[in-house]
Amino acid sequence: MVKLRLKRCGRKQPVYRIVAIDVRSRREGRDLQKVGFYDPINNQTYLNVPAILYFLEKGAQPTATVHDILKKAGVFTELTLNQTKFT
């Protein structure tokens, strides 16, 4: 199973990458693909929306924090638009 979760980068100030990773891997393990970036100090977010939508359509589950980030960015509205377009 694939999850979308945060991978910590940065030594003194926490900066996170949003990655698609296998559930059995550890937090700093090898990821399948980097799909975003999150800086909680400066409140900056960069998302690769097509890649995120691809993984969500294939059944990837976001963690709670990543779910909140994606919800603020409006990714789930695009996901529902894409699903209604194909049915």
Protein backbone atom coordinates (compact mmCIF):
# COMPACT_ATOMS: atom_id res chain seq x y z
CA MET A 1 0.00 0.00 0.00
CA VAL A 2 1.20 3.49 -0.84
CA LYS A 3 0.85 6.50 1.44
CA LEU A 4 1.39 10.19 0.91
CA ARG A 5 3.35 11.39 3.91
CA LEU A 6 5.93 13.88 5.12
CA LYS A 7 9.66 13.25 4.94
CA ARG A 8 11.74 15.53 7.12
CA CYS A 9 14.59 17.53 5.61
CA GLY A 10 16.58 20.29 7.21
CA ARG A 11 18.61 20.05 10.33
CA LYS A 12 17.73 22.95 12.60
CA GLN A 13 14.55 24.23 11.01
CA PRO A 14 12.11 21.52 10.01
CA VAL A 15 11.27 21.44 6.31
CA TYR A 16 9.30 18.57 4.86
CA ARG A 17 8.92 16.90 1.48
CA ILE A 18 5.59 15.34 0.64
CA VAL A 19 6.38 11.94 -0.82
CA ALA A 20 4.60 8.86 -2.06
CA ILE A 21 6.14 5.99 -0.15
CA ASP A 22 5.44 2.34 0.61
CA VAL A 23 3.81 1.82 4.02
CA ARG A 24 6.47 -0.61 5.15
CA SER A 25 9.29 1.92 4.62
CA ARG A 26 10.54 4.05 7.46
CA ARG A 27 9.99 7.82 7.50
CA GLU A 28 13.38 8.60 5.99
CA GLY A 29 13.31 5.59 3.67
CA ARG A 30 13.35 5.47 -0.09
CA ASP A 31 10.35 7.14 -1.63
CA LEU A 32 8.55 6.32 -4.86
CA GLN A 33 8.23 9.95 -5.95
CA LYS A 34 8.50 13.43 -4.45
CA VAL A 35 5.17 15.15 -4.97
CA GLY A 36 5.46 18.31 -2.89
CA PHE A 37 7.21 20.51 -0.37
CA TYR A 38 6.00 21.99 2.95
CA ASP A 39 7.71 24.62 5.11
CA PRO A 40 5.77 25.13 8.37
CA ILE A 41 7.96 28.02 9.56
CA ASN A 42 7.31 30.25 6.53
CA ASN A 43 3.96 28.59 5.78
CA GLN A 44 4.96 27.79 2.19
CA THR A 45 3.63 24.86 0.21
CA TYR A 46 4.47 23.58 -3.27
CA LEU A 47 2.42 20.71 -4.68
CA ASN A 48 2.79 18.72 -7.88
CA VAL A 49 -0.98 18.35 -8.29
CA PRO A 50 -1.01 15.98 -11.32
CA ALA A 51 1.30 13.56 -9.52
CA ILE A 52 -0.77 13.76 -6.32
CA LEU A 53 -3.98 13.13 -8.24
CA TYR A 54 -2.37 10.16 -9.98
CA PHE A 55 -1.44 8.52 -6.67
CA LEU A 56 -4.81 9.30 -5.07
CA GLU A 57 -6.65 7.77 -8.03
CA LYS A 58 -4.49 4.63 -7.71
CA GLY A 59 -5.54 4.27 -4.05
CA ALA A 60 -2.80 6.03 -2.09
CA GLN A 61 -3.86 7.15 1.38
CA PRO A 62 -2.63 10.52 2.75
CA THR A 63 -1.67 10.82 6.40
CA ALA A 64 -3.66 13.22 8.56
CA THR A 65 -1.21 16.11 8.18
CA VAL A 66 -0.86 15.66 4.43
CA HIS A 67 -4.64 15.38 4.17
CA ASP A 68 -5.00 18.78 5.85
CA ILE A 69 -2.39 20.33 3.52
CA LEU A 70 -4.12 18.92 0.44
CA LYS A 71 -7.52 20.02 1.70
CA LYS A 72 -6.31 23.62 2.16
CA ALA A 73 -4.90 23.57 -1.37
CA GLY A 74 -8.18 22.27 -2.82
CA VAL A 75 -6.76 19.09 -4.31
CA PHE A 76 -9.77 16.99 -3.30
CA THR A 77 -12.15 19.21 -5.26
CA GLU A 78 -10.05 18.57 -8.37
CA LEU A 79 -10.11 14.86 -7.59
CA THR A 80 -13.91 14.80 -7.47
CA LEU A 81 -14.09 16.83 -10.70
CA ASN A 82 -11.82 14.33 -12.44
CA GLN A 83 -13.85 11.36 -11.18
CA THR A 84 -17.17 12.82 -12.35
CA LYS A 85 -15.67 13.70 -15.72
CA PHE A 86 -14.79 10.06 -16.50
CA THR A 87 -18.01 8.43 -15.28
